[in-house]
């Protein structure tokens, strides 16, 4: 759920946005047969989720209209996703110490923030 504010007109229209949502992290393991790429056994090893605020901005650049009058534009943006205090697994988080016992799972707890860059063409409604 969020909000975006953009300059209403001009050759280049800057915008800013913000939202709140939920993020979900999951680690799954699976086994495939030698003759198929489809797994025949899988399990979810670990999962966690949490509140995720996002914010960003960009430039919306109107380019013109198609032959039928549909507007199109270039959209260049960046958005920061903040996943504070999430637990997740890395490749070293699952250790098999004894094949007769379940593996030892040691999750990592940290922020899992990331930045997404976008470059796209948008089409409007006539």
C-alpha atoms as a PDB file:
ATOM      1  CA  UNK A   1       0.000   0.000   0.000  1.00  0.00           C
ATOM      2  CA  UNK A   2       1.554   3.293  -0.987  1.00  0.00           C
ATOM      3  CA  UNK A   3       1.521   6.732  -2.483  1.00  0.00           C
ATOM      4  CA  UNK A   4       3.255   8.333  -5.456  1.00  0.00           C
ATOM      5  CA  UNK A   5       3.553  12.050  -6.148  1.00  0.00           C
ATOM      6  CA  UNK A   6       4.550  13.216  -9.628  1.00  0.00           C
ATOM      7  CA  UNK A   7       4.827  16.540 -11.443  1.00  0.00           C
ATOM      8  CA  UNK A   8       1.561  16.797 -13.419  1.00  0.00           C
ATOM      9  CA  UNK A   9       3.087  17.941 -16.713  1.00  0.00           C
ATOM     10  CA  UNK A  10       6.332  18.797 -18.444  1.00  0.00           C
ATOM     11  CA  UNK A  11       8.879  17.132 -20.697  1.00  0.00           C
ATOM     12  CA  UNK A  12      10.457  15.414 -17.677  1.00  0.00           C
ATOM     13  CA  UNK A  13       8.252  14.636 -14.681  1.00  0.00           C
ATOM     14  CA  UNK A  14      10.093  13.764 -11.461  1.00  0.00           C
ATOM     15  CA  UNK A  15       8.252  11.581  -8.957  1.00  0.00           C
ATOM     16  CA  UNK A  16       8.660  10.271  -5.411  1.00  0.00           C
ATOM     17  CA  UNK A  17       6.936   7.283  -3.847  1.00  0.00           C
ATOM     18  CA  UNK A  18       6.629   5.443  -0.576  1.00  0.00           C
ATOM     19  CA  UNK A  19       4.828   2.301   0.540  1.00  0.00           C
ATOM     20  CA  UNK A  20       4.517  -0.239   3.320  1.00  0.00           C
ATOM     21  CA  UNK A  21       4.178  -3.956   2.815  1.00  0.00           C
ATOM     22  CA  UNK A  22       5.261  -7.399   3.950  1.00  0.00           C
ATOM     23  CA  UNK A  23       8.313  -9.362   2.855  1.00  0.00           C
ATOM     24  CA  UNK A  24       8.665 -13.149   2.985  1.00  0.00           C
ATOM     25  CA  UNK A  25      11.961 -15.040   2.860  1.00  0.00           C
ATOM     26  CA  UNK A  26      12.044 -18.795   2.328  1.00  0.00           C
ATOM     27  CA  UNK A  27      14.763 -21.413   1.816  1.00  0.00           C
ATOM     28  CA  UNK A  28      13.819 -24.690   0.108  1.00  0.00           C
ATOM     29  CA  UNK A  29      15.868 -27.787  -0.684  1.00  0.00           C
ATOM     30  CA  UNK A  30      14.978 -30.342  -3.349  1.00  0.00           C
ATOM     31  CA  UNK A  31      16.283 -33.529  -4.954  1.00  0.00           C
ATOM     32  CA  UNK A  32      16.075 -34.231  -8.675  1.00  0.00           C
ATOM     33  CA  UNK A  33      16.417 -37.530 -10.478  1.00  0.00           C
ATOM     34  CA  UNK A  34      19.108 -38.170 -13.076  1.00  0.00           C
ATOM     35  CA  UNK A  35      16.660 -38.304 -15.998  1.00  0.00           C
ATOM     36  CA  UNK A  36      14.435 -35.362 -15.055  1.00  0.00           C
ATOM     37  CA  UNK A  37      14.838 -31.749 -14.072  1.00  0.00           C
ATOM     38  CA  UNK A  38      11.670 -31.974 -11.945  1.00  0.00           C
ATOM     39  CA  UNK A  39      12.281 -32.450  -8.204  1.00  0.00           C
ATOM     40  CA  UNK A  40      10.717 -35.553  -6.654  1.00  0.00           C
ATOM     41  CA  UNK A  41      11.283 -34.439  -3.057  1.00  0.00           C
ATOM     42  CA  UNK A  42      11.482 -30.972  -1.534  1.00  0.00           C
ATOM     43  CA  UNK A  43      11.226 -29.303   1.831  1.00  0.00           C
ATOM     44  CA  UNK A  44      11.080 -25.793   3.216  1.00  0.00           C
ATOM     45  CA  UNK A  45      14.085 -25.435   5.525  1.00  0.00           C
ATOM     46  CA  UNK A  46      13.351 -22.016   6.960  1.00  0.00           C
ATOM     47  CA  UNK A  47      11.152 -18.979   6.475  1.00  0.00           C
ATOM     48  CA  UNK A  48      10.618 -15.551   8.004  1.00  0.00           C
ATOM     49  CA  UNK A  49       8.788 -12.386   7.150  1.00  0.00           C
ATOM     50  CA  UNK A  50       8.300  -8.883   8.347  1.00  0.00           C
ATOM     51  CA  UNK A  51       7.146  -5.340   7.824  1.00  0.00           C
ATOM     52  CA  UNK A  52       8.812  -3.712   4.807  1.00  0.00           C
ATOM     53  CA  UNK A  53       8.748   0.038   4.155  1.00  0.00           C
ATOM     54  CA  UNK A  54       9.885   1.167   0.705  1.00  0.00           C
ATOM     55  CA  UNK A  55      10.645   4.577  -0.754  1.00  0.00           C
ATOM     56  CA  UNK A  56      11.994   5.823  -4.025  1.00  0.00           C
ATOM     57  CA  UNK A  57      11.767   8.187  -6.925  1.00  0.00           C
ATOM     58  CA  UNK A  58      12.474   8.631 -10.555  1.00  0.00           C
ATOM     59  CA  UNK A  59      11.815  10.385 -13.811  1.00  0.00           C
ATOM     60  CA  UNK A  60       8.803   9.884 -16.053  1.00  0.00           C
ATOM     61  CA  UNK A  61       9.534  11.128 -19.581  1.00  0.00           C
ATOM     62  CA  UNK A  62       6.554  11.278 -21.988  1.00  0.00           C
ATOM     63  CA  UNK A  63       7.657  10.166 -25.462  1.00  0.00           C
ATOM     64  CA  UNK A  64       4.485  10.565 -27.492  1.00  0.00           C
ATOM     65  CA  UNK A  65       1.465   8.564 -28.621  1.00  0.00           C
ATOM     66  CA  UNK A  66       1.008   5.402 -30.672  1.00  0.00           C
ATOM     67  CA  UNK A  67      -0.976   5.473 -33.937  1.00  0.00           C
ATOM     68  CA  UNK A  68      -4.194   4.744 -32.037  1.00  0.00           C
ATOM     69  CA  UNK A  69      -3.612   7.584 -29.536  1.00  0.00           C
ATOM     70  CA  UNK A  70      -2.250   5.548 -26.608  1.00  0.00           C
ATOM     71  CA  UNK A  71       0.354   7.597 -24.666  1.00  0.00           C
ATOM     72  CA  UNK A  72       3.730   6.023 -23.883  1.00  0.00           C
ATOM     73  CA  UNK A  73       6.681   7.164 -21.793  1.00  0.00           C
ATOM     74  CA  UNK A  74      10.109   6.204 -20.501  1.00  0.00           C
ATOM     75  CA  UNK A  75      10.257   5.478 -16.757  1.00  0.00           C
ATOM     76  CA  UNK A  76      13.620   5.571 -14.936  1.00  0.00           C
ATOM     77  CA  UNK A  77      13.514   4.954 -11.202  1.00  0.00           C
ATOM     78  CA  UNK A  78      15.093   3.633  -8.038  1.00  0.00           C
ATOM     79  CA  UNK A  79      13.424   2.135  -4.975  1.00  0.00           C
ATOM     80  CA  UNK A  80      14.861   1.206  -1.574  1.00  0.00           C
ATOM     81  CA  UNK A  81      13.371  -1.845   0.193  1.00  0.00           C
ATOM     82  CA  UNK A  82      14.017  -2.005   3.931  1.00  0.00           C
ATOM     83  CA  UNK A  83      13.775  -5.495   5.484  1.00  0.00           C
ATOM     84  CA  UNK A  84      14.892  -4.936   9.059  1.00  0.00           C
ATOM     85  CA  UNK A  85      15.797  -7.830  11.358  1.00  0.00           C
ATOM     86  CA  UNK A  86      15.005 -10.816   9.117  1.00  0.00           C
ATOM     87  CA  UNK A  87      16.253 -14.358   9.699  1.00  0.00           C
ATOM     88  CA  UNK A  88      17.372 -16.314   6.630  1.00  0.00           C
ATOM     89  CA  UNK A  89      19.721 -19.106   5.585  1.00  0.00           C
ATOM     90  CA  UNK A  90      22.926 -18.879   3.588  1.00  0.00           C
ATOM     91  CA  UNK A  91      24.730 -21.761   1.845  1.00  0.00           C
ATOM     92  CA  UNK A  92      26.660 -22.432   5.089  1.00  0.00           C
ATOM     93  CA  UNK A  93      23.592 -22.347   7.369  1.00  0.00           C
ATOM     94  CA  UNK A  94      22.658 -26.038   6.921  1.00  0.00           C
ATOM     95  CA  UNK A  95      25.174 -28.578   8.250  1.00  0.00           C
ATOM     96  CA  UNK A  96      24.845 -32.362   8.175  1.00  0.00           C
ATOM     97  CA  UNK A  97      26.923 -33.705  11.065  1.00  0.00           C
ATOM     98  CA  UNK A  98      25.428 -37.203  11.325  1.00  0.00           C
ATOM     99  CA  UNK A  99      23.411 -38.825   8.531  1.00  0.00           C
ATOM    100  CA  UNK A 100      21.171 -40.533  11.104  1.00  0.00           C
ATOM    101  CA  UNK A 101      20.143 -37.160  12.609  1.00  0.00           C
ATOM    102  CA  UNK A 102      18.410 -34.108  11.124  1.00  0.00           C
ATOM    103  CA  UNK A 103      20.721 -31.371   9.802  1.00  0.00           C
ATOM    104  CA  UNK A 104      21.729 -28.516  12.090  1.00  0.00           C
ATOM    105  CA  UNK A 105      20.160 -25.276  10.845  1.00  0.00           C
ATOM    106  CA  UNK A 106      21.738 -21.978  11.949  1.00  0.00           C
ATOM    107  CA  UNK A 107      19.850 -18.952  10.594  1.00  0.00           C
ATOM    108  CA  UNK A 108      21.493 -15.573  10.082  1.00  0.00           C
ATOM    109  CA  UNK A 109      19.722 -12.545  11.588  1.00  0.00           C
ATOM    110  CA  UNK A 110      20.374  -9.219   9.906  1.00  0.00           C
ATOM    111  CA  UNK A 111      18.842  -6.518   7.775  1.00  0.00           C
ATOM    112  CA  UNK A 112      18.086  -7.726   4.231  1.00  0.00           C
ATOM    113  CA  UNK A 113      17.792  -4.333   2.582  1.00  0.00           C
ATOM    114  CA  UNK A 114      18.166  -3.876  -1.149  1.00  0.00           C
ATOM    115  CA  UNK A 115      17.825  -1.235  -3.854  1.00  0.00           C
ATOM    116  CA  UNK A 116      15.957  -1.888  -7.123  1.00  0.00           C
ATOM    117  CA  UNK A 117      16.680   0.119 -10.260  1.00  0.00           C
ATOM    118  CA  UNK A 118      14.032   0.275 -12.980  1.00  0.00           C
ATOM    119  CA  UNK A 119      14.104   1.232 -16.623  1.00  0.00           C
ATOM    120  CA  UNK A 120      10.958   0.680 -18.625  1.00  0.00           C
ATOM    121  CA  UNK A 121       8.416   1.892 -21.111  1.00  0.00           C
ATOM    122  CA  UNK A 122       4.901   2.553 -19.859  1.00  0.00           C
ATOM    123  CA  UNK A 123       1.720   2.657 -21.912  1.00  0.00           C
ATOM    124  CA  UNK A 124      -1.343   4.592 -20.819  1.00  0.00           C
ATOM    125  CA  UNK A 125      -5.016   4.362 -21.592  1.00  0.00           C
ATOM    126  CA  UNK A 126      -6.398   6.483 -24.437  1.00  0.00           C
END
